[in-house]
């Protein structure tokens, strides 16, 4: 008991102050008051088993969190539908109007060009003096018409009743014009001998036909049924189509919307300028 420097706790009481059982340091380690009364349990350092238990508990918590995360990722996520919303079905009149517009855009300019070549020939027929000049004019008109005929779509493009009427009328007109002008060229060449002297000073309607009556009696006529069942090679077959009047409104509701007015408002007229005031009659849908 005579150790001058005790280090063990059970001997620290050798340093206890007078009237105290333990020194302050030993009392703190033992969890008692310096005079021997207990102040509560001492804080013992964690042992190996306690550390192992905490490690296992931490691992269990981490594993549980990982499982929850994986399950959450596997849960199906609501995604926006990739199926496009079905548009409201179009009105039959709108569908027919669109079809007619498509047909007119494809065929009307060709028909107008053919009509222009036919007009040039009519002017030559009425005013040209001299057989060679007249024959040249006839050949030029026929060549232009054949070039336009070659631009015709090879397959049917119309699907509606009105569109089919317009397409059939244009095809019949253009084909009839080509046959008619081929016959005009053939007629001139066939009657060259009779027409050459008759045309030296006068055009056909100004007296040449009076001098070559037999030849002129054989002249092809564009409205003959061989060039078209109803109107021959005349553009009347196109102009008399009625369905556009019931299908469209051109400006005011009482305006008769024949095919030329529809084409004009679509910009297919002679000046190529679209004009306002083209609507589908039964739906009010504005096309121009």
Protein backbone atom coordinates (compact mmCIF):
# COMPACT_ATOMS: atom_id res chain seq x y z
CA UNK A 1 0.00 0.00 0.00
CA UNK A 2 3.03 2.23 0.01
CA UNK A 3 3.09 2.69 -3.84
CA UNK A 4 3.89 6.31 -4.58
CA UNK A 5 2.35 6.28 -8.08
CA UNK A 6 -0.58 3.88 -8.19
CA UNK A 7 -2.20 3.32 -11.58
CA UNK A 8 -4.81 0.67 -10.92
CA UNK A 9 -8.30 1.81 -10.08
CA UNK A 10 -8.64 -0.36 -7.05
CA UNK A 11 -5.71 1.38 -5.49
CA UNK A 12 -6.62 4.91 -6.37
CA UNK A 13 -8.34 5.24 -3.01
CA UNK A 14 -4.92 5.74 -1.66
CA UNK A 15 -5.25 9.26 -3.10
CA UNK A 16 -8.73 9.91 -1.91
CA UNK A 17 -8.97 13.17 -0.08
CA UNK A 18 -9.78 13.17 3.56
CA UNK A 19 -13.29 11.99 4.29
CA UNK A 20 -13.70 10.53 0.78
CA UNK A 21 -13.53 6.90 -0.18
CA UNK A 22 -12.33 7.45 -3.78
CA UNK A 23 -10.40 10.08 -5.61
CA UNK A 24 -12.25 12.13 -8.20
CA UNK A 25 -10.81 10.22 -11.19
CA UNK A 26 -11.56 6.83 -9.73
CA UNK A 27 -15.02 7.88 -8.64
CA UNK A 28 -15.77 8.98 -12.25
CA UNK A 29 -14.51 5.69 -13.67
CA UNK A 30 -16.55 3.68 -11.17
CA UNK A 31 -19.64 5.78 -11.57
CA UNK A 32 -19.85 6.64 -7.92
CA UNK A 33 -19.60 9.71 -5.87
CA UNK A 34 -16.20 10.37 -4.40
CA UNK A 35 -17.63 9.54 -1.00
CA UNK A 36 -18.74 6.04 -2.14
CA UNK A 37 -22.37 6.73 -3.32
CA UNK A 38 -23.23 5.69 -6.95
CA UNK A 39 -24.03 8.35 -9.46
CA UNK A 40 -25.24 5.99 -12.23
CA UNK A 41 -23.82 3.32 -14.49
CA UNK A 42 -20.39 3.93 -15.88
CA UNK A 43 -20.00 4.45 -19.63
CA UNK A 44 -18.14 1.35 -20.69
CA UNK A 45 -16.32 1.28 -24.04
CA UNK A 46 -18.03 -0.84 -26.73
CA UNK A 47 -16.77 -4.34 -26.93
CA UNK A 48 -16.25 -6.60 -29.97
CA UNK A 49 -19.75 -8.08 -29.80
CA UNK A 50 -21.37 -4.66 -29.68
CA UNK A 51 -19.44 -3.48 -32.76
CA UNK A 52 -20.39 -6.66 -34.63
CA UNK A 53 -24.07 -6.18 -33.74
CA UNK A 54 -24.03 -2.58 -34.98
CA UNK A 55 -22.31 -3.62 -38.21
CA UNK A 56 -24.93 -6.31 -38.83
CA UNK A 57 -27.73 -3.85 -38.11
CA UNK A 58 -26.25 -1.31 -40.52
CA UNK A 59 -25.89 -3.95 -43.23
CA UNK A 60 -29.53 -5.02 -42.76
CA UNK A 61 -30.72 -1.42 -43.12
CA UNK A 62 -28.62 -0.90 -46.27
CA UNK A 63 -29.93 -4.16 -47.80
CA UNK A 64 -33.54 -3.17 -47.07
CA UNK A 65 -33.07 0.23 -48.73
CA UNK A 66 -31.49 -1.39 -51.81
CA UNK A 67 -34.40 -3.83 -52.18
CA UNK A 68 -36.93 -1.00 -51.98
CA UNK A 69 -35.06 1.02 -54.60
CA UNK A 70 -34.91 -1.92 -57.02
CA UNK A 71 -38.61 -2.67 -56.60
CA UNK A 72 -39.45 0.97 -57.23
CA UNK A 73 -37.41 0.98 -60.45
CA UNK A 74 -39.15 -2.18 -61.66
CA UNK A 75 -42.61 -0.78 -61.04
CA UNK A 76 -44.30 0.04 -64.38
CA UNK A 77 -44.36 3.76 -65.05
CA UNK A 78 -47.37 5.35 -66.65
CA UNK A 79 -46.24 6.71 -69.98
CA UNK A 80 -48.11 8.92 -72.40
CA UNK A 81 -49.83 6.95 -75.12
CA UNK A 82 -47.94 6.71 -78.39
CA UNK A 83 -51.14 6.07 -80.33
CA UNK A 84 -52.13 9.25 -82.12
CA UNK A 85 -55.58 10.54 -81.45
CA UNK A 86 -57.90 9.61 -84.27
CA UNK A 87 -59.04 12.68 -86.18
CA UNK A 88 -62.70 13.30 -86.54
CA UNK A 89 -63.95 11.75 -89.79
CA UNK A 90 -64.21 14.34 -92.55
CA UNK A 91 -67.58 15.23 -93.99
CA UNK A 92 -68.25 13.46 -97.33
CA UNK A 93 -68.73 16.82 -99.05
CA UNK A 94 -65.31 18.00 -97.83
CA UNK A 95 -63.71 14.79 -99.09
CA UNK A 96 -65.34 15.21 -102.48
CA UNK A 97 -64.31 18.85 -102.66
CA UNK A 98 -60.69 17.92 -101.94
CA UNK A 99 -60.83 15.27 -104.66
CA UNK A 100 -62.24 17.73 -107.20
CA UNK A 101 -59.53 20.26 -106.36
CA UNK A 102 -56.87 17.58 -106.84
CA UNK A 103 -58.31 16.61 -110.25
CA UNK A 104 -58.57 20.21 -111.40
CA UNK A 105 -54.99 20.98 -110.40
CA UNK A 106 -53.79 17.98 -112.41
CA UNK A 107 -55.93 18.30 -115.54
CA UNK A 108 -57.37 21.79 -115.90
CA UNK A 109 -54.08 23.47 -116.96
CA UNK A 110 -53.55 20.78 -119.60
CA UNK A 111 -57.06 21.28 -120.93
CA UNK A 112 -56.51 25.04 -121.07
CA UNK A 113 -53.27 24.62 -123.00
CA UNK A 114 -55.00 22.32 -125.47
CA UNK A 115 -57.81 24.85 -125.81
CA UNK A 116 -55.23 27.56 -126.49
CA UNK A 117 -53.66 25.53 -129.30
CA UNK A 118 -57.10 24.88 -130.78
CA UNK A 119 -57.86 28.62 -130.61
CA UNK A 120 -54.63 29.39 -132.48
CA UNK A 121 -55.68 26.98 -135.20
CA UNK A 122 -59.12 28.56 -135.45
CA UNK A 123 -57.47 31.96 -135.94
CA UNK A 124 -55.23 30.53 -138.65
CA UNK A 125 -58.19 28.84 -140.30
CA UNK A 126 -60.08 32.13 -140.49
CA UNK A 127 -57.26 34.48 -141.50
CA UNK A 128 -54.37 32.64 -143.13
CA UNK A 129 -53.77 33.10 -146.83
CA UNK A 130 -51.54 30.56 -148.60
CA UNK A 131 -51.65 26.80 -148.40
CA UNK A 132 -48.18 26.25 -146.94
CA UNK A 133 -48.76 28.79 -144.20
CA UNK A 134 -52.10 27.17 -143.31
CA UNK A 135 -50.57 23.68 -143.25
CA UNK A 136 -47.72 24.89 -141.04
CA UNK A 137 -50.22 26.41 -138.63
CA UNK A 138 -52.23 23.18 -138.50
CA UNK A 139 -49.14 21.10 -137.80
CA UNK A 140 -48.00 23.46 -135.06
CA UNK A 141 -51.36 23.23 -133.30
CA UNK A 142 -51.33 19.44 -133.51
CA UNK A 143 -47.78 19.27 -132.13
CA UNK A 144 -48.70 21.46 -129.14
CA UNK A 145 -51.75 19.35 -128.38
CA UNK A 146 -49.79 16.11 -128.53
CA UNK A 147 -47.23 17.58 -126.12
CA UNK A 148 -49.99 18.41 -123.65
CA UNK A 149 -51.59 15.01 -124.11
CA UNK A 150 -48.29 13.42 -123.09
CA UNK A 151 -48.54 15.25 -119.73
CA UNK A 152 -51.74 13.49 -118.79
CA UNK A 153 -51.50 11.22 -115.72
CA UNK A 154 -51.40 7.61 -116.81
CA UNK A 155 -53.68 6.32 -114.07
CA UNK A 156 -57.03 7.41 -112.72
CA UNK A 157 -56.66 10.15 -110.11
CA UNK A 158 -60.28 10.84 -109.11
CA UNK A 159 -62.12 8.94 -106.38
CA UNK A 160 -65.37 10.91 -105.99
CA UNK A 161 -68.33 11.09 -108.34
CA UNK A 162 -67.74 14.74 -109.23
CA UNK A 163 -64.00 14.23 -109.56
CA UNK A 164 -64.55 11.32 -111.95
CA UNK A 165 -66.91 13.39 -114.12
CA UNK A 166 -64.30 16.14 -114.39
CA UNK A 167 -61.46 13.73 -115.10
CA UNK A 168 -63.38 11.80 -117.75
CA UNK A 169 -64.50 15.00 -119.46
CA UNK A 170 -60.95 16.35 -119.62
CA UNK A 171 -59.50 13.10 -120.91
CA UNK A 172 -62.19 12.82 -123.58
CA UNK A 173 -61.70 16.46 -124.61
CA UNK A 174 -57.91 16.25 -124.87
CA UNK A 175 -57.94 12.91 -126.70
CA UNK A 176 -60.66 14.16 -129.04
CA UNK A 177 -58.69 17.33 -129.79
CA UNK A 178 -55.61 15.31 -130.68
CA UNK A 179 -57.58 13.12 -133.12
CA UNK A 180 -59.34 16.12 -134.62
CA UNK A 181 -56.15 18.08 -135.30
CA UNK A 182 -54.43 14.99 -136.70
CA UNK A 183 -57.33 14.73 -139.13
CA UNK A 184 -57.03 18.45 -140.04
CA UNK A 185 -53.38 17.99 -141.01
CA UNK A 186 -54.25 14.85 -142.99
CA UNK A 187 -57.13 16.66 -144.73
CA UNK A 188 -54.91 19.56 -145.83
CA UNK A 189 -52.27 17.24 -147.22
CA UNK A 190 -54.84 15.12 -148.97
CA UNK A 191 -56.42 18.14 -150.70
CA UNK A 192 -53.27 20.09 -151.37
CA UNK A 193 -53.87 20.24 -155.14
CA UNK A 194 -57.33 21.76 -154.83
CA UNK A 195 -56.59 24.06 -151.89
CA UNK A 196 -53.29 25.53 -153.05
CA UNK A 197 -54.71 27.72 -155.84
CA UNK A 198 -57.83 28.52 -153.84
CA UNK A 199 -55.75 29.88 -150.92
CA UNK A 200 -53.42 32.10 -152.95
CA UNK A 201 -55.36 35.28 -152.26
CA UNK A 202 -58.04 34.34 -149.81
CA UNK A 203 -58.48 32.46 -146.56
CA UNK A 204 -60.79 29.49 -146.30
CA UNK A 205 -63.91 31.34 -145.04
CA UNK A 206 -63.23 34.40 -147.22
CA UNK A 207 -63.73 32.59 -150.52
CA UNK A 208 -61.14 29.85 -150.81
CA UNK A 209 -63.73 27.21 -149.96
CA UNK A 210 -66.01 28.59 -152.68
CA UNK A 211 -63.29 27.77 -155.18
CA UNK A 212 -62.60 24.36 -153.64
CA UNK A 213 -66.04 23.30 -152.47
CA UNK A 214 -65.53 19.56 -152.73
CA UNK A 215 -62.36 19.72 -150.64
CA UNK A 216 -63.96 21.95 -148.02
CA UNK A 217 -66.97 19.67 -147.72
CA UNK A 218 -64.57 16.98 -146.49
CA UNK A 219 -63.01 19.27 -143.86
CA UNK A 220 -63.06 17.73 -140.34
CA UNK A 221 -65.47 19.31 -137.85
CA UNK A 222 -64.48 19.33 -134.17
CA UNK A 223 -68.00 18.66 -132.84
CA UNK A 224 -68.41 15.48 -134.86
CA UNK A 225 -69.32 12.43 -132.80
CA UNK A 226 -66.16 10.60 -133.90
CA UNK A 227 -64.19 12.94 -131.61
CA UNK A 228 -66.51 12.59 -128.62
CA UNK A 229 -69.84 10.95 -127.91
CA UNK A 230 -71.76 14.06 -126.84
CA UNK A 231 -69.87 17.22 -127.76
CA UNK A 232 -67.14 15.93 -130.05
CA UNK A 233 -63.81 17.63 -129.36
CA UNK A 234 -65.54 20.75 -128.02
CA UNK A 235 -64.71 22.09 -124.55
CA UNK A 236 -68.44 22.16 -123.93
CA UNK A 237 -68.09 18.68 -122.47
CA UNK A 238 -66.10 20.19 -119.61
CA UNK A 239 -68.06 23.41 -119.28
CA UNK A 240 -71.40 21.62 -118.94
CA UNK A 241 -70.40 19.63 -115.85
CA UNK A 242 -73.03 20.33 -113.19
CA UNK A 243 -71.65 18.79 -109.99
CA UNK A 244 -69.45 21.78 -109.09
CA UNK A 245 -72.56 23.95 -108.83
CA UNK A 246 -73.98 21.78 -106.05
CA UNK A 247 -70.61 21.14 -104.37
CA UNK A 248 -69.14 24.65 -104.17
CA UNK A 249 -70.08 28.22 -103.38
CA UNK A 250 -68.24 30.87 -105.41
CA UNK A 251 -68.72 34.07 -103.47
CA UNK A 252 -72.41 34.50 -102.70
CA UNK A 253 -74.60 31.45 -102.13
CA UNK A 254 -76.69 32.16 -105.23
CA UNK A 255 -73.64 32.40 -107.51
CA UNK A 256 -73.54 29.58 -110.06
CA UNK A 257 -70.20 27.90 -109.40
CA UNK A 258 -69.42 26.26 -112.73
CA UNK A 259 -66.07 24.64 -113.30
CA UNK A 260 -64.35 27.72 -114.70
CA UNK A 261 -65.14 29.74 -111.57
CA UNK A 262 -63.79 27.00 -109.31
CA UNK A 263 -60.57 26.81 -111.31
CA UNK A 264 -60.25 30.59 -111.36
CA UNK A 265 -60.46 30.78 -107.55
CA UNK A 266 -57.81 28.07 -107.28
CA UNK A 267 -55.41 30.16 -109.34
CA UNK A 268 -55.78 27.99 -112.45
CA UNK A 269 -57.21 30.75 -114.62
CA UNK A 270 -55.50 32.64 -117.39
CA UNK A 271 -53.63 35.03 -115.07
CA UNK A 272 -52.74 32.38 -112.48
CA UNK A 273 -53.94 34.49 -109.56
CA UNK A 274 -55.97 32.72 -106.83
CA UNK A 275 -59.16 34.49 -105.76
CA UNK A 276 -61.06 34.34 -102.51
CA UNK A 277 -64.57 33.09 -102.09
CA UNK A 278 -64.50 29.32 -102.69
CA UNK A 279 -66.38 27.30 -100.06
CA UNK A 280 -67.88 23.84 -99.71
CA UNK A 281 -71.61 24.49 -99.91
CA UNK A 282 -72.91 21.96 -97.38
CA UNK A 283 -70.24 22.47 -94.68
CA UNK A 284 -69.17 26.09 -95.17
CA UNK A 285 -65.52 25.04 -95.23
CA UNK A 286 -63.41 27.68 -96.94
CA UNK A 287 -60.98 26.49 -99.61
CA UNK A 288 -60.01 29.97 -100.78
